[in-house]
PDB file of N, CA and C in Angstrom:
ATOM      1  N   MET A   1     -61.047  37.705  46.567  1.00  0.00           N
ATOM      2  CA  MET A   1     -59.950  36.297  45.978  1.00  0.00           C
ATOM      3  C   MET A   1     -59.032  36.835  44.899  1.00  0.00           C
ATOM      4  N   ARG A   2     -57.740  36.080  45.106  1.00  0.00           N
ATOM      5  CA  ARG A   2     -56.950  35.982  43.709  1.00  0.00           C
ATOM      6  C   ARG A   2     -57.095  34.490  43.498  1.00  0.00           C
ATOM      7  N   LEU A   3     -56.728  34.661  42.146  1.00  0.00           N
ATOM      8  CA  LEU A   3     -56.668  33.535  41.588  1.00  0.00           C
ATOM      9  C   LEU A   3     -55.232  33.309  40.929  1.00  0.00           C
ATOM     10  N   ARG A   4     -54.163  32.260  41.760  1.00  0.00           N
ATOM     11  CA  ARG A   4     -53.255  31.417  41.289  1.00  0.00           C
ATOM     12  C   ARG A   4     -53.396  30.722  40.349  1.00  0.00           C
ATOM     13  N   LEU A   5     -52.821  30.857  38.616  1.00  0.00           N
ATOM     14  CA  LEU A   5     -52.239  29.447  37.832  1.00  0.00           C
ATOM     15  C   LEU A   5     -51.330  29.004  38.681  1.00  0.00           C
ATOM     16  N   SER A   6     -51.545  28.044  38.849  1.00  0.00           N
ATOM     17  CA  SER A   6     -50.615  26.823  38.788  1.00  0.00           C
ATOM     18  C   SER A   6     -49.953  25.755  38.008  1.00  0.00           C
ATOM     19  N   PHE A   7     -49.409  25.580  37.577  1.00  0.00           N
ATOM     20  CA  PHE A   7     -48.616  24.671  36.477  1.00  0.00           C
ATOM     21  C   PHE A   7     -48.503  22.793  37.006  1.00  0.00           C
ATOM     22  N   ASP A   8     -49.174  22.175  36.617  1.00  0.00           N
ATOM     23  CA  ASP A   8     -49.320  20.688  37.402  1.00  0.00           C
ATOM     24  C   ASP A   8     -48.226  20.511  36.671  1.00  0.00           C
ATOM     25  N   ARG A   9     -47.149  20.282  36.305  1.00  0.00           N
ATOM     26  CA  ARG A   9     -45.746  19.546  35.706  1.00  0.00           C
ATOM     27  C   ARG A   9     -45.794  17.863  36.023  1.00  0.00           C
ATOM     28  N   PRO A  10     -46.118  16.888  35.327  1.00  0.00           N
ATOM     29  CA  PRO A  10     -45.980  15.607  35.317  1.00  0.00           C
ATOM     30  C   PRO A  10     -44.478  15.446  36.190  1.00  0.00           C
ATOM     31  N   ASP A  11     -44.857  14.429  37.218  1.00  0.00           N
ATOM     32  CA  ASP A  11     -43.690  14.174  37.643  1.00  0.00           C
ATOM     33  C   ASP A  11     -43.200  12.403  37.200  1.00  0.00           C
ATOM     34  N   ARG A  12     -42.259  11.724  37.812  1.00  0.00           N
ATOM     35  CA  ARG A  12     -41.434  10.789  37.500  1.00  0.00           C
ATOM     36  C   ARG A  12     -42.243   9.691  36.687  1.00  0.00           C
ATOM     37  N   ARG A  13     -43.596   9.199  38.184  1.00  0.00           N
ATOM     38  CA  ARG A  13     -43.915   8.385  37.940  1.00  0.00           C
ATOM     39  C   ARG A  13     -44.944   8.496  36.461  1.00  0.00           C
ATOM     40  N   ASP A  14     -46.180  10.065  36.886  1.00  0.00           N
ATOM     41  CA  ASP A  14     -46.531   9.874  35.550  1.00  0.00           C
ATOM     42  C   ASP A  14     -45.986   9.766  34.120  1.00  0.00           C
ATOM     43  N   LEU A  15     -44.656  10.376  33.696  1.00  0.00           N
ATOM     44  CA  LEU A  15     -44.103  10.301  32.512  1.00  0.00           C
ATOM     45  C   LEU A  15     -43.794   8.539  32.441  1.00  0.00           C
ATOM     46  N   ASN A  16     -43.234   7.798  33.391  1.00  0.00           N
ATOM     47  CA  ASN A  16     -42.959   6.722  32.848  1.00  0.00           C
ATOM     48  C   ASN A  16     -44.379   5.992  32.524  1.00  0.00           C
ATOM     49  N   VAL A  17     -45.793   6.630  33.084  1.00  0.00           N
ATOM     50  CA  VAL A  17     -46.969   5.960  32.759  1.00  0.00           C
ATOM     51  C   VAL A  17     -47.467   5.735  31.011  1.00  0.00           C
ATOM     52  N   PHE A  18     -46.371   7.047  31.102  1.00  0.00           N
ATOM     53  CA  PHE A  18     -47.179   8.156  29.626  1.00  0.00           C
ATOM     54  C   PHE A  18     -46.270   7.038  28.415  1.00  0.00           C
ATOM     55  N   GLY A  19     -44.414   6.919  29.106  1.00  0.00           N
ATOM     56  CA  GLY A  19     -43.894   6.560  28.121  1.00  0.00           C
ATOM     57  C   GLY A  19     -44.171   4.845  27.876  1.00  0.00           C
ATOM     58  N   GLY A  20     -45.393   4.533  28.698  1.00  0.00           N
ATOM     59  CA  GLY A  20     -44.863   2.916  28.100  1.00  0.00           C
ATOM     60  C   GLY A  20     -46.483   2.894  27.918  1.00  0.00           C
ATOM     61  N   TYR A  21     -47.207   4.017  27.703  1.00  0.00           N
ATOM     62  CA  TYR A  21     -48.625   3.947  26.924  1.00  0.00           C
ATOM     63  C   TYR A  21     -47.689   4.129  25.525  1.00  0.00           C
ATOM     64  N   CYS A  22     -46.818   4.704  25.387  1.00  0.00           N
ATOM     65  CA  CYS A  22     -46.089   5.470  23.815  1.00  0.00           C
ATOM     66  C   CYS A  22     -45.099   3.964  22.738  1.00  0.00           C
ATOM     67  N   LEU A  23     -45.031   3.279  24.652  1.00  0.00           N
ATOM     68  CA  LEU A  23     -44.175   1.913  23.716  1.00  0.00           C
ATOM     69  C   LEU A  23     -45.222   0.991  23.476  1.00  0.00           C
ATOM     70  N   ALA A  24     -46.156   0.768  23.831  1.00  0.00           N
ATOM     71  CA  ALA A  24     -47.852  -0.173  23.309  1.00  0.00           C
ATOM     72  C   ALA A  24     -48.114   0.436  22.109  1.00  0.00           C
ATOM     73  N   ALA A  25     -48.279   1.909  22.455  1.00  0.00           N
ATOM     74  CA  ALA A  25     -48.938   1.566  20.463  1.00  0.00           C
ATOM     75  C   ALA A  25     -47.813   1.885  19.375  1.00  0.00           C
ATOM     76  N   ALA A  26     -46.351   2.182  19.742  1.00  0.00           N
ATOM     77  CA  ALA A  26     -45.331   1.859  19.263  1.00  0.00           C
ATOM     78  C   ALA A  26     -45.669   0.318  18.714  1.00  0.00           C
ATOM     79  N   VAL A  27     -45.513  -0.701  19.468  1.00  0.00           N
ATOM     80  CA  VAL A  27     -45.222  -2.321  19.115  1.00  0.00           C
ATOM     81  C   VAL A  27     -46.742  -2.119  18.164  1.00  0.00           C
ATOM     82  N   TYR A  28     -47.502  -1.407  18.304  1.00  0.00           N
ATOM     83  CA  TYR A  28     -48.904  -1.953  17.961  1.00  0.00           C
ATOM     84  C   TYR A  28     -48.876  -1.619  16.272  1.00  0.00           C
ATOM     85  N   ILE A  29     -47.843  -0.040  15.861  1.00  0.00           N
ATOM     86  CA  ILE A  29     -48.137  -0.198  15.082  1.00  0.00           C
ATOM     87  C   ILE A  29     -47.040  -0.707  13.988  1.00  0.00           C
ATOM     88  N   ALA A  30     -45.712  -1.192  15.002  1.00  0.00           N
ATOM     89  CA  ALA A  30     -45.198  -1.742  14.076  1.00  0.00           C
ATOM     90  C   ALA A  30     -45.060  -3.338  13.579  1.00  0.00           C
ATOM     91  N   ILE A  31     -46.554  -3.830  14.523  1.00  0.00           N
ATOM     92  CA  ILE A  31     -46.691  -5.067  14.079  1.00  0.00           C
ATOM     93  C   ILE A  31     -47.938  -4.930  13.217  1.00  0.00           C
ATOM     94  N   GLY A  32     -48.775  -3.734  13.043  1.00  0.00           N
ATOM     95  CA  GLY A  32     -49.537  -3.916  12.225  1.00  0.00           C
ATOM     96  C   GLY A  32     -48.924  -3.292  10.244  1.00  0.00           C
ATOM     97  N   VAL A  33     -47.933  -2.510  10.385  1.00  0.00           N
ATOM     98  CA  VAL A  33     -46.587  -2.135   9.273  1.00  0.00           C
ATOM     99  C   VAL A  33     -46.403  -3.393   8.978  1.00  0.00           C
ATOM    100  N   ALA A  34     -46.280  -4.918   9.624  1.00  0.00           N
ATOM    101  CA  ALA A  34     -45.662  -5.959   9.348  1.00  0.00           C
ATOM    102  C   ALA A  34     -46.802  -7.135   8.729  1.00  0.00           C
ATOM    103  N   TRP A  35     -48.102  -6.857   9.320  1.00  0.00           N
ATOM    104  CA  TRP A  35     -49.320  -8.062   9.299  1.00  0.00           C
ATOM    105  C   TRP A  35     -50.096  -7.069   8.939  1.00  0.00           C
ATOM    106  N   ILE A  36     -51.405  -5.972   7.798  1.00  0.00           N
ATOM    107  CA  ILE A  36     -51.508  -5.297   7.593  1.00  0.00           C
ATOM    108  C   ILE A  36     -52.929  -5.316   8.349  1.00  0.00           C
ATOM    109  N   ASP A  37     -53.311  -7.018   8.227  1.00  0.00           N
ATOM    110  CA  ASP A  37     -54.910  -7.347   8.851  1.00  0.00           C
ATOM    111  C   ASP A  37     -54.577  -7.485  10.470  1.00  0.00           C
ATOM    112  N   PHE A  38     -53.485  -7.209  11.187  1.00  0.00           N
ATOM    113  CA  PHE A  38     -53.605  -7.531  11.862  1.00  0.00           C
ATOM    114  C   PHE A  38     -54.056  -5.995  12.667  1.00  0.00           C
ATOM    115  N   LEU A  39     -54.097  -4.700  12.098  1.00  0.00           N
ATOM    116  CA  LEU A  39     -54.889  -3.441  12.042  1.00  0.00           C
ATOM    117  C   LEU A  39     -56.064  -3.019  11.659  1.00  0.00           C
ATOM    118  N   PHE A  40     -56.520  -3.893  10.931  1.00  0.00           N
ATOM    119  CA  PHE A  40     -57.656  -3.949  10.549  1.00  0.00           C
ATOM    120  C   PHE A  40     -58.969  -4.994  11.859  1.00  0.00           C
ATOM    121  N   SER A  41     -57.997  -5.888  12.290  1.00  0.00           N
ATOM    122  CA  SER A  41     -59.324  -6.411  13.406  1.00  0.00           C
ATOM    123  C   SER A  41     -59.891  -6.297  14.710  1.00  0.00           C
ATOM    124  N   PHE A  42     -60.872  -4.958  14.602  1.00  0.00           N
ATOM    125  CA  PHE A  42     -61.163  -4.850  16.170  1.00  0.00           C
ATOM    126  C   PHE A  42     -61.198  -5.801  17.381  1.00  0.00           C
ATOM    127  N   TRP A  43     -61.040  -7.545  17.112  1.00  0.00           N
ATOM    128  CA  TRP A  43     -61.144  -8.422  18.806  1.00  0.00           C
ATOM    129  C   TRP A  43     -59.466  -8.385  18.953  1.00  0.00           C
ATOM    130  N   VAL A  44     -58.771  -8.190  17.817  1.00  0.00           N
ATOM    131  CA  VAL A  44     -57.147  -8.060  17.975  1.00  0.00           C
ATOM    132  C   VAL A  44     -56.612  -6.688  18.444  1.00  0.00           C
ATOM    133  N   GLY A  45     -57.117  -6.003  18.071  1.00  0.00           N
ATOM    134  CA  GLY A  45     -56.697  -4.819  18.383  1.00  0.00           C
ATOM    135  C   GLY A  45     -57.369  -4.672  20.086  1.00  0.00           C
ATOM    136  N   LEU A  46     -58.637  -5.270  19.968  1.00  0.00           N
ATOM    137  CA  LEU A  46     -58.834  -5.398  21.348  1.00  0.00           C
ATOM    138  C   LEU A  46     -58.234  -5.607  22.756  1.00  0.00           C
ATOM    139  N   GLY A  47     -57.794  -7.418  22.310  1.00  0.00           N
ATOM    140  CA  GLY A  47     -57.272  -8.105  22.912  1.00  0.00           C
ATOM    141  C   GLY A  47     -55.554  -7.605  23.297  1.00  0.00           C
ATOM    142  N   TYR A  48     -55.093  -6.583  22.237  1.00  0.00           N
ATOM    143  CA  TYR A  48     -53.631  -5.985  22.683  1.00  0.00           C
ATOM    144  C   TYR A  48     -53.651  -5.177  23.104  1.00  0.00           C
ATOM    145  N   LEU A  49     -54.808  -4.510  23.372  1.00  0.00           N
ATOM    146  CA  LEU A  49     -54.698  -2.880  24.267  1.00  0.00           C
ATOM    147  C   LEU A  49     -55.504  -3.830  25.394  1.00  0.00           C
ATOM    148  N   LEU A  50     -56.237  -4.792  25.960  1.00  0.00           N
ATOM    149  CA  LEU A  50     -55.902  -5.609  27.251  1.00  0.00           C
ATOM    150  C   LEU A  50     -55.068  -5.954  27.788  1.00  0.00           C
ATOM    151  N   LEU A  51     -53.808  -6.697  26.948  1.00  0.00           N
ATOM    152  CA  LEU A  51     -53.378  -7.543  27.372  1.00  0.00           C
ATOM    153  C   LEU A  51     -51.454  -6.407  27.442  1.00  0.00           C
ATOM    154  N   ALA A  52     -51.891  -5.515  26.728  1.00  0.00           N
ATOM    155  CA  ALA A  52     -50.242  -4.041  26.419  1.00  0.00           C
ATOM    156  C   ALA A  52     -50.931  -2.944  27.594  1.00  0.00           C
ATOM    157  N   ALA A  53     -52.003  -2.693  28.219  1.00  0.00           N
ATOM    158  CA  ALA A  53     -51.968  -1.497  28.955  1.00  0.00           C
ATOM    159  C   ALA A  53     -52.709  -1.778  30.502  1.00  0.00           C
ATOM    160  N   TRP A  54     -53.596  -3.659  30.500  1.00  0.00           N
ATOM    161  CA  TRP A  54     -54.159  -4.222  32.333  1.00  0.00           C
ATOM    162  C   TRP A  54     -52.845  -4.668  32.174  1.00  0.00           C
ATOM    163  N   LEU A  55     -52.642  -5.704  31.265  1.00  0.00           N
ATOM    164  CA  LEU A  55     -52.218  -6.875  31.896  1.00  0.00           C
ATOM    165  C   LEU A  55     -50.674  -6.521  32.256  1.00  0.00           C
ATOM    166  N   ILE A  56     -50.032  -6.168  31.264  1.00  0.00           N
ATOM    167  CA  ILE A  56     -48.502  -6.477  31.011  1.00  0.00           C
ATOM    168  C   ILE A  56     -48.175  -5.386  33.262  1.00  0.00           C
ATOM    169  N   PRO A  57     -48.846  -3.822  32.679  1.00  0.00           N
ATOM    170  CA  PRO A  57     -48.862  -3.212  33.712  1.00  0.00           C
ATOM    171  C   PRO A  57     -48.851  -3.848  35.224  1.00  0.00           C
ATOM    172  N   THR A  58     -50.665  -4.377  34.526  1.00  0.00           N
ATOM    173  CA  THR A  58     -50.568  -4.875  36.550  1.00  0.00           C
ATOM    174  C   THR A  58     -49.240  -6.039  37.198  1.00  0.00           C
ATOM    175  N   LEU A  59     -48.927  -7.201  36.134  1.00  0.00           N
ATOM    176  CA  LEU A  59     -47.760  -7.757  36.134  1.00  0.00           C
ATOM    177  C   LEU A  59     -46.687  -7.129  36.998  1.00  0.00           C
ATOM    178  N   VAL A  60     -46.069  -6.475  36.154  1.00  0.00           N
ATOM    179  CA  VAL A  60     -44.723  -5.142  36.156  1.00  0.00           C
ATOM    180  C   VAL A  60     -44.950  -4.777  37.509  1.00  0.00           C
ATOM    181  N   ARG A  61     -46.080  -4.445  38.217  1.00  0.00           N
ATOM    182  CA  ARG A  61     -46.408  -3.110  39.272  1.00  0.00           C
ATOM    183  C   ARG A  61     -46.307  -4.433  40.389  1.00  0.00           C
ATOM    184  N   ARG A  62     -46.483  -5.904  40.120  1.00  0.00           N
ATOM    185  CA  ARG A  62     -46.469  -6.787  40.940  1.00  0.00           C
ATOM    186  C   ARG A  62     -45.395  -7.444  41.256  1.00  0.00           C
ATOM    187  N   LEU A  63     -44.556  -7.532  40.357  1.00  0.00           N
ATOM    188  CA  LEU A  63     -42.969  -7.718  40.228  1.00  0.00           C
ATOM    189  C   LEU A  63     -42.459  -6.426  41.178  1.00  0.00           C
ATOM    190  N   ALA A  64     -42.293  -5.967  40.808  1.00  0.00           N
ATOM    191  CA  ALA A  64     -41.413  -4.696  41.256  1.00  0.00           C
ATOM    192  C   ALA A  64     -41.784  -4.577  43.089  1.00  0.00           C
TER     193      ALA A  64
END
């Protein structure tokens, strides 16, 4: 049996999802630079993660 290396390249959908997460992180960092207390609150960070990583993509998928 021969083993072959296979390179699993991300497709367009994978790159779109990754770009969405990068955008959410950039927005979170920008808000944190403007209001430093925003970064230090666990609950605000958890709420932002819920909103940016789950609710908004769900709404976009339903509308598209």
